[in-house]
Amino acid sequence: MSSLSTPHTPAAAPWRKPFLEHVNSMDSPEFVFASLHPAPKDSPTDFLPRARFCIFRGMWAELPENKHNNAPMNERVYESELPTFTTDVRMNKTFEAFASSAGKANDRKYVQGSGGGGPCEAVWWVKESKMQWRIKGEVFLVGPDIEGEGEESSGVRTVKSEVGGRMRVVKEEGREGWSWSKEMTAHFGNCSWKNPPPGQPVDEAYDEGLKLGSKVEDLDDPIARKNFRVVVIKPEVVESIDLSDPETGRRHVYTFDDKSGE
């Protein structure tokens, strides 16, 4: 694997344990993911908010075991506080991750690879415990170019720097065998598909082999792999709101410190 950019091993975030306890207690770990979409040319603002429900898939480098997933998995040599979910590259949220980033890559051709970095927010409401969790940060896409032959693209370098910089070593043995592409394939084994282009009118023809709800068994299916992406949220601010007792409601705010890495 390519070397990670972490100069030292950061400590576990204090919000990690309660966050995972609350989210893992949910029947289905759905959350609202919000990003910024470029506004129309005649709009008084540059971006407009877009929100949708997504499914939390675990922290990056810590994909939970699934008896229905036959994809090879990395050894658990890293931990992180980087929430993940998966998406289709043709969805607007992938374009927004690039278009709202510092580089403002408005050309959709850049979306085909790894990269991104646009601002985002994610909100979980844990009904059973009356807890709300909000994560503010940046969003990155892991694509099929994350590992391969030849020179790495700027998007790949960005992902490995920004995401890799938040990965914490928990087991020295096995680090050399850890692979970005294997991690992506493990996610693919959990939820793969070959859907038609999102948003396309139902009466328009699309490529043969695409079908809504189709389940992919081949981990190397070229069509499904081409469109599959792992989305990684890099937190900058995390807020928890405890509403379990109306008389003692509490809000805690955790802010990432670039200097200490904690």
C-alpha atoms as a PDB file:
ATOM      1  CA  MET A   1       0.000   0.000   0.000  1.00  0.00           C
ATOM      2  CA  SER A   2       1.026   3.617  -0.328  1.00  0.00           C
ATOM      3  CA  SER A   3       2.387   5.085   2.868  1.00  0.00           C
ATOM      4  CA  LEU A   4      -0.006   7.051   5.044  1.00  0.00           C
ATOM      5  CA  SER A   5       0.651  10.670   5.892  1.00  0.00           C
ATOM      6  CA  THR A   6       0.156  10.297   9.660  1.00  0.00           C
ATOM      7  CA  PRO A   7       3.249  11.783  11.386  1.00  0.00           C
ATOM      8  CA  HIS A   8       2.195  10.164  14.668  1.00  0.00           C
ATOM      9  CA  THR A   9      -0.614   8.009  15.976  1.00  0.00           C
ATOM     10  CA  PRO A  10      -3.472  10.281  17.120  1.00  0.00           C
ATOM     11  CA  ALA A  11      -5.436   9.411  20.225  1.00  0.00           C
ATOM     12  CA  ALA A  12      -8.983   8.107  19.942  1.00  0.00           C
ATOM     13  CA  ALA A  13     -11.543  10.910  19.930  1.00  0.00           C
ATOM     14  CA  PRO A  14     -13.494  11.225  23.210  1.00  0.00           C
ATOM     15  CA  TRP A  15     -16.796  11.154  21.305  1.00  0.00           C
ATOM     16  CA  ARG A  16     -16.021   7.899  19.458  1.00  0.00           C
ATOM     17  CA  LYS A  17     -17.230   5.404  22.087  1.00  0.00           C
ATOM     18  CA  PRO A  18     -20.605   7.028  22.922  1.00  0.00           C
ATOM     19  CA  PHE A  19     -21.271   7.802  19.253  1.00  0.00           C
ATOM     20  CA  LEU A  20     -20.760   4.187  18.181  1.00  0.00           C
ATOM     21  CA  GLU A  21     -22.774   2.888  21.133  1.00  0.00           C
ATOM     22  CA  HIS A  22     -25.716   5.081  20.200  1.00  0.00           C
ATOM     23  CA  VAL A  23     -25.574   4.549  16.437  1.00  0.00           C
ATOM     24  CA  ASN A  24     -25.065   0.785  16.737  1.00  0.00           C
ATOM     25  CA  SER A  25     -28.178   0.609  18.924  1.00  0.00           C
ATOM     26  CA  MET A  26     -30.353   1.862  16.061  1.00  0.00           C
ATOM     27  CA  ASP A  27     -32.483  -0.643  14.144  1.00  0.00           C
ATOM     28  CA  SER A  28     -31.090   0.884  10.959  1.00  0.00           C
ATOM     29  CA  PRO A  29     -28.292   3.489  11.226  1.00  0.00           C
ATOM     30  CA  GLU A  30     -29.802   6.031   8.857  1.00  0.00           C
ATOM     31  CA  PHE A  31     -28.611   9.606   8.930  1.00  0.00           C
ATOM     32  CA  VAL A  32     -29.149  12.824   7.005  1.00  0.00           C
ATOM     33  CA  PHE A  33     -26.200  13.783   4.821  1.00  0.00           C
ATOM     34  CA  ALA A  34     -26.077  17.379   3.574  1.00  0.00           C
ATOM     35  CA  SER A  35     -23.746  18.838   0.952  1.00  0.00           C
ATOM     36  CA  LEU A  36     -23.587  21.915  -1.278  1.00  0.00           C
ATOM     37  CA  HIS A  37     -24.772  21.984  -4.886  1.00  0.00           C
ATOM     38  CA  PRO A  38     -23.696  24.742  -7.316  1.00  0.00           C
ATOM     39  CA  ALA A  39     -26.503  27.268  -7.607  1.00  0.00           C
ATOM     40  CA  PRO A  40     -27.979  28.377 -10.960  1.00  0.00           C
ATOM     41  CA  LYS A  41     -26.130  31.217 -12.663  1.00  0.00           C
ATOM     42  CA  ASP A  42     -28.842  33.758 -11.830  1.00  0.00           C
ATOM     43  CA  SER A  43     -28.894  32.804  -8.133  1.00  0.00           C
ATOM     44  CA  PRO A  44     -27.759  35.346  -5.482  1.00  0.00           C
ATOM     45  CA  THR A  45     -25.618  32.645  -3.862  1.00  0.00           C
ATOM     46  CA  ASP A  46     -22.916  30.272  -5.144  1.00  0.00           C
ATOM     47  CA  PHE A  47     -24.262  27.086  -3.564  1.00  0.00           C
ATOM     48  CA  LEU A  48     -27.536  25.615  -2.372  1.00  0.00           C
ATOM     49  CA  PRO A  49     -27.911  22.937   0.344  1.00  0.00           C
ATOM     50  CA  ARG A  50     -28.901  19.408  -0.600  1.00  0.00           C
ATOM     51  CA  ALA A  51     -29.837  16.743   1.962  1.00  0.00           C
ATOM     52  CA  ARG A  52     -30.719  13.070   1.752  1.00  0.00           C
ATOM     53  CA  PHE A  53     -30.853   9.972   3.947  1.00  0.00           C
ATOM     54  CA  CYS A  54     -27.898   7.569   3.829  1.00  0.00           C
ATOM     55  CA  ILE A  55     -26.860   4.404   5.678  1.00  0.00           C
ATOM     56  CA  PHE A  56     -23.869   4.475   8.017  1.00  0.00           C
ATOM     57  CA  ARG A  57     -21.495   1.630   7.066  1.00  0.00           C
ATOM     58  CA  GLY A  58     -19.010   1.960   9.909  1.00  0.00           C
ATOM     59  CA  MET A  59     -15.781   3.864  10.413  1.00  0.00           C
ATOM     60  CA  TRP A  60     -13.214   3.802   7.608  1.00  0.00           C
ATOM     61  CA  ALA A  61     -10.798   0.838   7.974  1.00  0.00           C
ATOM     62  CA  GLU A  62     -13.238  -0.802  10.432  1.00  0.00           C
ATOM     63  CA  LEU A  63     -15.937  -2.315   8.215  1.00  0.00           C
ATOM     64  CA  PRO A  64     -18.035  -4.639  10.426  1.00  0.00           C
ATOM     65  CA  GLU A  65     -18.082  -8.321   9.545  1.00  0.00           C
ATOM     66  CA  ASN A  66     -21.090  -9.497   7.547  1.00  0.00           C
ATOM     67  CA  LYS A  67     -21.823 -13.182   6.989  1.00  0.00           C
ATOM     68  CA  HIS A  68     -23.389 -12.331   3.619  1.00  0.00           C
ATOM     69  CA  ASN A  69     -20.262 -10.528   2.406  1.00  0.00           C
ATOM     70  CA  ASN A  70     -17.729 -12.852   0.752  1.00  0.00           C
ATOM     71  CA  ALA A  71     -15.288 -10.106  -0.210  1.00  0.00           C
ATOM     72  CA  PRO A  72     -11.739 -10.296   1.177  1.00  0.00           C
ATOM     73  CA  MET A  73     -11.165  -7.909   4.068  1.00  0.00           C
ATOM     74  CA  ASN A  74      -8.153  -6.120   5.459  1.00  0.00           C
ATOM     75  CA  GLU A  75      -6.772  -7.069   8.828  1.00  0.00           C
ATOM     76  CA  ARG A  76      -7.943  -4.677  11.541  1.00  0.00           C
ATOM     77  CA  VAL A  77      -4.684  -2.751  11.809  1.00  0.00           C
ATOM     78  CA  TYR A  78      -6.204   0.748  11.777  1.00  0.00           C
ATOM     79  CA  GLU A  79      -8.966   2.641  13.565  1.00  0.00           C
ATOM     80  CA  SER A  80     -10.487   5.977  12.644  1.00  0.00           C
ATOM     81  CA  GLU A  81     -13.236   8.449  13.435  1.00  0.00           C
ATOM     82  CA  LEU A  82     -14.177   8.656   9.746  1.00  0.00           C
ATOM     83  CA  PRO A  83     -17.827   7.674   9.112  1.00  0.00           C
ATOM     84  CA  THR A  84     -18.491   5.984   5.774  1.00  0.00           C
ATOM     85  CA  PHE A  85     -21.351   5.218   3.434  1.00  0.00           C
ATOM     86  CA  THR A  86     -21.532   4.053  -0.169  1.00  0.00           C
ATOM     87  CA  THR A  87     -22.995   5.621  -3.282  1.00  0.00           C
ATOM     88  CA  ASP A  88     -23.263   5.575  -7.050  1.00  0.00           C
ATOM     89  CA  VAL A  89     -20.781   7.933  -8.754  1.00  0.00           C
ATOM     90  CA  ARG A  90     -23.621   9.206 -10.959  1.00  0.00           C
ATOM     91  CA  MET A  91     -25.451  10.657  -7.944  1.00  0.00           C
ATOM     92  CA  ASN A  92     -25.336  14.414  -7.362  1.00  0.00           C
ATOM     93  CA  LYS A  93     -23.672  14.070  -3.967  1.00  0.00           C
ATOM     94  CA  THR A  94     -20.469  12.838  -5.589  1.00  0.00           C
ATOM     95  CA  PHE A  95     -20.369  15.830  -7.929  1.00  0.00           C
ATOM     96  CA  GLU A  96     -21.056  18.150  -4.991  1.00  0.00           C
ATOM     97  CA  ALA A  97     -18.087  16.755  -3.036  1.00  0.00           C
ATOM     98  CA  PHE A  98     -15.820  18.009  -5.825  1.00  0.00           C
ATOM     99  CA  ALA A  99     -17.688  21.144  -6.956  1.00  0.00           C
ATOM    100  CA  SER A 100     -17.838  22.660  -3.457  1.00  0.00           C
ATOM    101  CA  SER A 101     -14.244  21.793  -2.543  1.00  0.00           C
ATOM    102  CA  ALA A 102     -11.352  24.242  -2.416  1.00  0.00           C
ATOM    103  CA  GLY A 103     -10.394  23.227  -5.953  1.00  0.00           C
ATOM    104  CA  LYS A 104     -14.002  23.696  -7.176  1.00  0.00           C
ATOM    105  CA  ALA A 105     -13.805  20.997  -9.838  1.00  0.00           C
ATOM    106  CA  ASN A 106     -17.072  21.753 -11.616  1.00  0.00           C
ATOM    107  CA  ASP A 107     -16.223  19.495 -14.537  1.00  0.00           C
ATOM    108  CA  ARG A 108     -17.930  16.146 -13.963  1.00  0.00           C
ATOM    109  CA  LYS A 109     -14.978  14.301 -15.485  1.00  0.00           C
ATOM    110  CA  TYR A 110     -13.086  14.838 -12.217  1.00  0.00           C
ATOM    111  CA  VAL A 111     -15.826  12.980 -10.345  1.00  0.00           C
ATOM    112  CA  GLN A 112     -14.813   9.713 -12.007  1.00  0.00           C
ATOM    113  CA  GLY A 113     -11.798   9.350  -9.727  1.00  0.00           C
ATOM    114  CA  SER A 114     -11.016   9.630  -6.047  1.00  0.00           C
ATOM    115  CA  GLY A 115     -10.967  13.067  -4.432  1.00  0.00           C
ATOM    116  CA  GLY A 116     -13.474  15.651  -3.266  1.00  0.00           C
ATOM    117  CA  GLY A 117     -13.095  17.646  -0.074  1.00  0.00           C
ATOM    118  CA  GLY A 118     -16.257  19.729  -0.113  1.00  0.00           C
ATOM    119  CA  PRO A 119     -18.000  20.743   3.150  1.00  0.00           C
ATOM    120  CA  CYS A 120     -20.698  18.502   4.555  1.00  0.00           C
ATOM    121  CA  GLU A 121     -22.830  17.761   7.593  1.00  0.00           C
ATOM    122  CA  ALA A 122     -24.233  14.474   8.842  1.00  0.00           C
ATOM    123  CA  VAL A 123     -26.956  14.151  11.484  1.00  0.00           C
ATOM    124  CA  TRP A 124     -28.139  11.062  13.368  1.00  0.00           C
ATOM    125  CA  TRP A 125     -31.245  11.041  15.560  1.00  0.00           C
ATOM    126  CA  VAL A 126     -31.122   8.086  17.970  1.00  0.00           C
ATOM    127  CA  LYS A 127     -34.754   7.862  18.964  1.00  0.00           C
ATOM    128  CA  GLU A 128     -34.331   5.176  21.633  1.00  0.00           C
ATOM    129  CA  SER A 129     -31.896   7.242  23.715  1.00  0.00           C
ATOM    130  CA  LYS A 130     -33.096  10.672  22.536  1.00  0.00           C
ATOM    131  CA  MET A 131     -29.630  11.625  21.356  1.00  0.00           C
ATOM    132  CA  GLN A 132     -28.737  13.732  18.333  1.00  0.00           C
ATOM    133  CA  TRP A 133     -25.272  13.557  16.779  1.00  0.00           C
ATOM    134  CA  ARG A 134     -24.089  16.109  14.232  1.00  0.00           C
ATOM    135  CA  ILE A 135     -20.783  15.860  12.373  1.00  0.00           C
ATOM    136  CA  LYS A 136     -19.465  18.827  10.401  1.00  0.00           C
ATOM    137  CA  GLY A 137     -16.482  18.363   8.135  1.00  0.00           C
ATOM    138  CA  GLU A 138     -15.333  17.478   4.648  1.00  0.00           C
ATOM    139  CA  VAL A 139     -16.340  14.624   2.369  1.00  0.00           C
ATOM    140  CA  PHE A 140     -14.039  12.485   0.217  1.00  0.00           C
ATOM    141  CA  LEU A 141     -14.666   9.784  -2.385  1.00  0.00           C
ATOM    142  CA  VAL A 142     -12.674   6.567  -2.698  1.00  0.00           C
ATOM    143  CA  GLY A 143     -12.800   5.366  -6.305  1.00  0.00           C
ATOM    144  CA  PRO A 144     -11.301   2.580  -8.437  1.00  0.00           C
ATOM    145  CA  ASP A 145      -8.160   4.636  -9.061  1.00  0.00           C
ATOM    146  CA  ILE A 146      -7.202   4.634  -5.360  1.00  0.00           C
ATOM    147  CA  GLU A 147      -4.516   2.045  -6.080  1.00  0.00           C
ATOM    148  CA  GLY A 148      -3.086   1.184  -9.453  1.00  0.00           C
ATOM    149  CA  GLU A 149      -0.186   1.445 -11.824  1.00  0.00           C
ATOM    150  CA  GLY A 150       1.353   4.731 -12.858  1.00  0.00           C
ATOM    151  CA  GLU A 151       1.446   8.128 -11.223  1.00  0.00           C
ATOM    152  CA  GLU A 152      -1.232   8.896  -8.671  1.00  0.00           C
ATOM    153  CA  SER A 153      -3.737  11.620  -9.514  1.00  0.00           C
ATOM    154  CA  SER A 154      -4.061  14.710  -7.341  1.00  0.00           C
ATOM    155  CA  GLY A 155      -7.403  13.347  -6.128  1.00  0.00           C
ATOM    156  CA  VAL A 156      -5.847  10.074  -4.976  1.00  0.00           C
ATOM    157  CA  ARG A 157      -3.048  11.938  -3.215  1.00  0.00           C
ATOM    158  CA  THR A 158      -5.592  14.171  -1.498  1.00  0.00           C
ATOM    159  CA  VAL A 159      -7.640  11.228  -0.236  1.00  0.00           C
ATOM    160  CA  LYS A 160      -4.596   9.347   1.041  1.00  0.00           C
ATOM    161  CA  SER A 161      -3.329  12.470   2.784  1.00  0.00           C
ATOM    162  CA  GLU A 162      -6.614  13.691   4.310  1.00  0.00           C
ATOM    163  CA  VAL A 163      -8.144  10.315   5.122  1.00  0.00           C
ATOM    164  CA  GLY A 164      -4.849   8.543   5.832  1.00  0.00           C
ATOM    165  CA  GLY A 165      -3.868  11.325   8.210  1.00  0.00           C
ATOM    166  CA  ARG A 166      -6.809  10.414  10.459  1.00  0.00           C
ATOM    167  CA  MET A 167      -6.117   6.656  10.521  1.00  0.00           C
ATOM    168  CA  ARG A 168      -4.760   5.355  13.804  1.00  0.00           C
ATOM    169  CA  VAL A 169      -2.479   2.311  14.020  1.00  0.00           C
ATOM    170  CA  VAL A 170      -3.805  -0.302  16.450  1.00  0.00           C
ATOM    171  CA  LYS A 171      -1.766  -3.274  15.258  1.00  0.00           C
ATOM    172  CA  GLU A 172       1.724  -3.009  13.806  1.00  0.00           C
ATOM    173  CA  GLU A 173       1.730  -6.524  12.411  1.00  0.00           C
ATOM    174  CA  GLY A 174      -0.093  -6.596   9.086  1.00  0.00           C
ATOM    175  CA  ARG A 175       0.278  -2.913   8.175  1.00  0.00           C
ATOM    176  CA  GLU A 176       2.249  -3.686   5.008  1.00  0.00           C
ATOM    177  CA  GLY A 177      -0.547  -5.895   3.753  1.00  0.00           C
ATOM    178  CA  TRP A 178      -3.288  -3.311   4.293  1.00  0.00           C
ATOM    179  CA  SER A 179      -4.760  -2.092   1.009  1.00  0.00           C
ATOM    180  CA  TRP A 180      -6.984   0.847   0.064  1.00  0.00           C
ATOM    181  CA  SER A 181      -8.477  -1.106  -2.840  1.00  0.00           C
ATOM    182  CA  LYS A 182      -9.203  -4.133  -0.626  1.00  0.00           C
ATOM    183  CA  GLU A 183     -11.035  -1.867   1.802  1.00  0.00           C
ATOM    184  CA  MET A 184     -13.114  -0.538  -1.080  1.00  0.00           C
ATOM    185  CA  THR A 185     -13.851  -4.063  -2.352  1.00  0.00           C
ATOM    186  CA  ALA A 186     -14.993  -5.104   1.135  1.00  0.00           C
ATOM    187  CA  HIS A 187     -17.541  -2.272   1.062  1.00  0.00           C
ATOM    188  CA  PHE A 188     -18.558  -3.327  -2.452  1.00  0.00           C
ATOM    189  CA  GLY A 189     -19.313  -6.826  -1.170  1.00  0.00           C
ATOM    190  CA  ASN A 190     -21.782  -5.364   1.316  1.00  0.00           C
ATOM    191  CA  CYS A 191     -23.908  -3.392  -1.125  1.00  0.00           C
ATOM    192  CA  SER A 192     -23.286  -3.720  -4.841  1.00  0.00           C
ATOM    193  CA  TRP A 193     -25.698  -2.867  -7.630  1.00  0.00           C
ATOM    194  CA  LYS A 194     -26.078  -2.263 -11.360  1.00  0.00           C
ATOM    195  CA  ASN A 195     -28.810   0.341 -11.439  1.00  0.00           C
ATOM    196  CA  PRO A 196     -29.779   2.492 -14.433  1.00  0.00           C
ATOM    197  CA  PRO A 197     -28.552   6.120 -14.442  1.00  0.00           C
ATOM    198  CA  PRO A 198     -30.127   7.948 -11.460  1.00  0.00           C
ATOM    199  CA  GLY A 199     -32.794  10.445 -12.481  1.00  0.00           C
ATOM    200  CA  GLN A 200     -33.153   9.173 -16.031  1.00  0.00           C
ATOM    201  CA  PRO A 201     -36.784   9.078 -17.278  1.00  0.00           C
ATOM    202  CA  VAL A 202     -38.167   5.538 -17.031  1.00  0.00           C
ATOM    203  CA  ASP A 203     -39.274   5.509 -20.671  1.00  0.00           C
ATOM    204  CA  GLU A 204     -35.740   6.151 -21.953  1.00  0.00           C
ATOM    205  CA  ALA A 205     -33.536   3.216 -22.884  1.00  0.00           C
ATOM    206  CA  TYR A 206     -30.326   2.522 -20.982  1.00  0.00           C
ATOM    207  CA  ASP A 207     -27.436   0.132 -21.311  1.00  0.00           C
ATOM    208  CA  GLU A 208     -28.202  -3.569 -21.325  1.00  0.00           C
ATOM    209  CA  GLY A 209     -27.321  -5.278 -18.078  1.00  0.00           C
ATOM    210  CA  LEU A 210     -28.541  -2.428 -15.876  1.00  0.00           C
ATOM    211  CA  LYS A 211     -31.603  -3.109 -13.743  1.00  0.00           C
ATOM    212  CA  LEU A 212     -33.075  -1.522 -10.634  1.00  0.00           C
ATOM    213  CA  GLY A 213     -32.503  -3.637  -7.562  1.00  0.00           C
ATOM    214  CA  SER A 214     -30.162  -6.045  -9.299  1.00  0.00           C
ATOM    215  CA  LYS A 215     -27.749  -7.871  -6.998  1.00  0.00           C
ATOM    216  CA  VAL A 216     -24.164  -8.287  -8.147  1.00  0.00           C
ATOM    217  CA  GLU A 217     -22.376 -11.486  -7.116  1.00  0.00           C
ATOM    218  CA  ASP A 218     -19.145 -10.910  -9.055  1.00  0.00           C
ATOM    219  CA  LEU A 219     -16.744  -8.741  -7.041  1.00  0.00           C
ATOM    220  CA  ASP A 220     -15.008  -7.772 -10.299  1.00  0.00           C
ATOM    221  CA  ASP A 221     -18.141  -6.874 -12.258  1.00  0.00           C
ATOM    222  CA  PRO A 222     -16.827  -4.029 -14.479  1.00  0.00           C
ATOM    223  CA  ILE A 223     -20.094  -2.108 -14.748  1.00  0.00           C
ATOM    224  CA  ALA A 224     -20.929  -2.180 -11.050  1.00  0.00           C
ATOM    225  CA  ARG A 225     -17.356  -1.401  -9.982  1.00  0.00           C
ATOM    226  CA  LYS A 226     -17.169   1.540 -12.387  1.00  0.00           C
ATOM    227  CA  ASN A 227     -20.053   3.298 -10.629  1.00  0.00           C
ATOM    228  CA  PHE A 228     -19.368   2.237  -7.023  1.00  0.00           C
ATOM    229  CA  ARG A 229     -17.828   4.662  -4.522  1.00  0.00           C
ATOM    230  CA  VAL A 230     -17.068   4.696  -0.814  1.00  0.00           C
ATOM    231  CA  VAL A 231     -17.788   8.060   0.786  1.00  0.00           C
ATOM    232  CA  VAL A 232     -15.668   9.084   3.772  1.00  0.00           C
ATOM    233  CA  ILE A 233     -16.573  11.947   6.113  1.00  0.00           C
ATOM    234  CA  LYS A 234     -13.623  13.697   7.793  1.00  0.00           C
ATOM    235  CA  PRO A 235     -14.986  15.388  10.937  1.00  0.00           C
ATOM    236  CA  GLU A 236     -13.892  18.837  12.027  1.00  0.00           C
ATOM    237  CA  VAL A 237     -16.627  19.487  14.615  1.00  0.00           C
ATOM    238  CA  VAL A 238     -18.804  16.903  16.359  1.00  0.00           C
ATOM    239  CA  GLU A 239     -21.838  17.830  18.461  1.00  0.00           C
ATOM    240  CA  SER A 240     -23.949  15.626  20.695  1.00  0.00           C
ATOM    241  CA  ILE A 241     -27.271  16.755  22.145  1.00  0.00           C
ATOM    242  CA  ASP A 242     -28.699  14.702  25.012  1.00  0.00           C
ATOM    243  CA  LEU A 243     -32.470  15.145  25.272  1.00  0.00           C
ATOM    244  CA  SER A 244     -33.137  12.069  27.398  1.00  0.00           C
ATOM    245  CA  ASP A 245     -34.183  14.314  30.300  1.00  0.00           C
ATOM    246  CA  PRO A 246     -35.837  17.641  29.335  1.00  0.00           C
ATOM    247  CA  GLU A 247     -34.742  19.177  32.654  1.00  0.00           C
ATOM    248  CA  THR A 248     -31.052  18.418  32.185  1.00  0.00           C
ATOM    249  CA  GLY A 249     -30.535  18.631  28.419  1.00  0.00           C
ATOM    250  CA  ARG A 250     -26.878  18.902  27.465  1.00  0.00           C
ATOM    251  CA  ARG A 251     -24.932  19.807  24.352  1.00  0.00           C
ATOM    252  CA  HIS A 252     -21.292  18.780  23.929  1.00  0.00           C
ATOM    253  CA  VAL A 253     -19.042  20.109  21.165  1.00  0.00           C
ATOM    254  CA  TYR A 254     -15.772  18.462  20.097  1.00  0.00           C
ATOM    255  CA  THR A 255     -13.457  20.325  17.725  1.00  0.00           C
ATOM    256  CA  PHE A 256     -10.516  18.755  15.903  1.00  0.00           C
ATOM    257  CA  ASP A 257      -7.204  20.482  16.612  1.00  0.00           C
ATOM    258  CA  ASP A 258      -4.857  20.440  13.600  1.00  0.00           C
ATOM    259  CA  LYS A 259      -1.771  21.125  15.715  1.00  0.00           C
ATOM    260  CA  SER A 260      -2.178  18.233  18.132  1.00  0.00           C
ATOM    261  CA  GLY A 261      -4.029  15.940  15.735  1.00  0.00           C
ATOM    262  CA  GLU A 262      -6.602  15.250  18.443  1.00  0.00           C
END
